[in-house]
Protein backbone atom coordinates (compact mmCIF):
# COMPACT_ATOMS: atom_id res chain seq x y z
CA MET A 1 3.31 -4.99 -4.83
CA VAL A 2 5.72 -2.40 -2.95
CA ASN A 3 9.14 -2.04 -4.16
CA GLY A 4 11.16 -3.79 -1.47
CA VAL A 5 14.16 -2.34 -2.21
CA SER A 6 13.53 0.90 -2.50
CA VAL A 7 11.22 0.60 1.24
CA CYS A 8 13.02 -2.27 3.11
CA GLU A 9 16.30 -2.75 1.75
CA SER A 10 17.92 -2.55 5.56
CA TYR A 11 15.60 -4.70 6.55
CA PHE A 12 16.78 -7.71 4.33
CA ALA A 13 20.52 -7.29 3.87
CA PRO A 14 22.27 -9.12 4.90
CA SER A 15 20.35 -11.78 5.27
CA PRO A 16 17.14 -11.94 2.85
CA VAL A 17 13.63 -13.01 4.14
CA ALA A 18 11.45 -15.36 2.23
CA GLY A 19 13.98 -15.93 -0.38
CA LEU A 20 14.31 -12.81 -1.60
CA GLY A 21 17.54 -11.87 -2.49
CA TRP A 22 19.92 -8.85 -4.17
CA SER A 23 19.97 -9.24 -7.79
CA SER A 24 22.82 -7.85 -10.32
CA ALA A 25 23.19 -5.17 -13.00
CA LYS A 26 23.42 -7.83 -15.35
CA SER A 27 20.03 -9.79 -14.50
CA PRO A 28 18.40 -7.44 -12.69
CA ASN A 29 15.19 -8.20 -10.80
CA GLY A 30 12.60 -5.69 -9.92
CA GLU A 31 9.81 -7.80 -8.27
CA GLY A 32 8.25 -6.30 -4.97
CA LEU A 33 6.65 -7.67 -1.79
CA THR A 34 3.73 -9.14 -1.84
CA ALA A 35 0.78 -7.51 0.99
CA SER A 36 1.64 -11.11 2.53
CA GLN A 37 5.24 -10.46 2.89
CA LEU A 38 4.76 -6.73 4.03
CA ASN A 39 2.55 -7.99 6.60
CA GLN A 40 4.96 -10.80 8.06
CA MET A 41 7.30 -7.90 8.44
CA ASP A 42 8.65 -6.61 11.97
CA TRP A 43 8.48 -2.83 10.93
CA SER A 44 9.87 -1.59 14.31
CA GLN A 45 13.37 -3.26 12.57
CA VAL A 46 12.65 -0.97 9.40
CA ASN A 47 14.80 2.13 9.14
CA LEU A 48 13.19 4.69 6.80
CA ASP A 49 15.86 7.52 7.32
CA LYS A 50 17.35 6.83 4.08
CA TRP A 51 14.57 6.87 2.14
CA ILE A 52 12.89 9.86 3.77
CA GLY A 53 16.31 11.72 3.80
CA ILE A 54 15.80 11.23 -0.22
CA LEU A 55 12.46 12.60 -0.53
CA SER A 56 13.53 15.45 1.64
CA ILE A 57 16.82 16.33 -0.53
CA THR A 58 14.55 15.99 -4.18
CA GLY A 59 11.91 17.82 -2.72
CA ASN A 60 9.25 15.06 -2.98
CA LEU A 61 8.54 15.24 1.02
CA PRO A 62 5.46 16.93 1.52
CA GLY A 63 4.83 19.13 4.31
CA ILE A 64 2.52 17.90 7.17
CA PRO A 65 -0.62 20.57 6.19
CA SER A 66 -0.44 19.65 2.80
CA LEU A 67 -1.17 15.99 3.58
CA ASP A 68 -4.89 15.69 3.55
CA LEU A 69 -7.17 12.89 2.53
CA GLU A 70 -7.57 14.34 -1.38
CA ARG A 71 -4.10 14.78 -1.52
CA LEU A 72 -3.30 11.28 -0.33
CA THR A 73 -6.19 9.11 -2.22
CA GLY A 74 -8.10 11.63 -4.49
CA SER A 75 -7.31 13.85 -7.62
CA GLY A 76 -4.17 14.91 -5.55
CA ILE A 77 -2.12 11.56 -6.31
CA THR A 78 -0.22 10.87 -9.44
CA LEU A 79 -2.56 7.65 -9.93
CA THR A 80 -5.15 9.83 -11.16
CA VAL A 81 -5.58 9.57 -15.01
CA ASP A 82 -7.95 12.47 -15.60
CA GLY A 83 -7.92 14.36 -12.23
CA ASN A 84 -11.29 13.39 -11.31
CA ARG A 85 -10.48 10.28 -8.76
CA GLN A 86 -12.43 10.56 -5.38
CA SER A 87 -10.90 10.24 -2.19
CA ALA A 88 -10.90 6.90 -0.41
CA ALA A 89 -13.70 8.26 2.02
CA ASP A 90 -15.88 9.56 -1.11
CA ARG A 91 -15.00 6.15 -2.81
CA ALA A 92 -16.23 4.41 0.52
CA ILE A 93 -19.49 6.16 0.68
CA GLU A 94 -20.51 5.45 -2.90
CA ARG A 95 -19.84 1.61 -2.22
CA LEU A 96 -21.91 1.89 0.93
CA ASN A 97 -24.83 3.94 -0.69
CA VAL A 98 -25.37 0.89 -3.61
CA MET A 99 -24.54 -2.22 -0.75
CA ASP A 100 -27.79 -4.05 0.01
CA ALA A 101 -27.10 -4.58 3.95
CA GLN A 102 -30.16 -6.64 4.55
CA GLU A 103 -28.91 -9.07 1.73
CA LEU A 104 -25.13 -9.18 2.58
CA ARG A 105 -26.43 -10.31 6.37
CA GLN A 106 -28.75 -12.86 5.01
CA ASP A 107 -25.75 -14.46 2.92
CA ALA A 108 -23.34 -14.16 5.61
CA THR A 109 -25.78 -15.93 8.13
CA GLU A 110 -26.73 -18.43 5.31
CA GLU A 111 -22.87 -19.21 4.97
CA ILE A 112 -22.43 -19.63 8.70
CA SER A 113 -25.08 -21.85 8.96
CA GLY A 114 -24.37 -24.05 6.22
CA ASN A 115 -27.53 -23.29 3.93
CA ASN A 116 -25.91 -22.18 1.08
């Protein structure tokens, strides 16, 4: 889930999409957007200038030279618990190394032909 207000508030106001509306201070709603809802969005209508400005003002907007795969997906991100998180590429290679492609191909063939 992605916090819809922080990323997409201008997209949904003043006419909320998919029944999502603004909550009140007395009854806050921190519900995010599902992947399906994000997929339905017209991203050409989303203006991230305000969000990028806030990141810049607070010193949280990384510069282009510092954006690499390790920093974005590996141990350089806040999601790492012990500092040993592999990058997305390393995790994908690890999954591929234990995958039995022939077995997957056979399973897919059987599923398509209705022999499962």
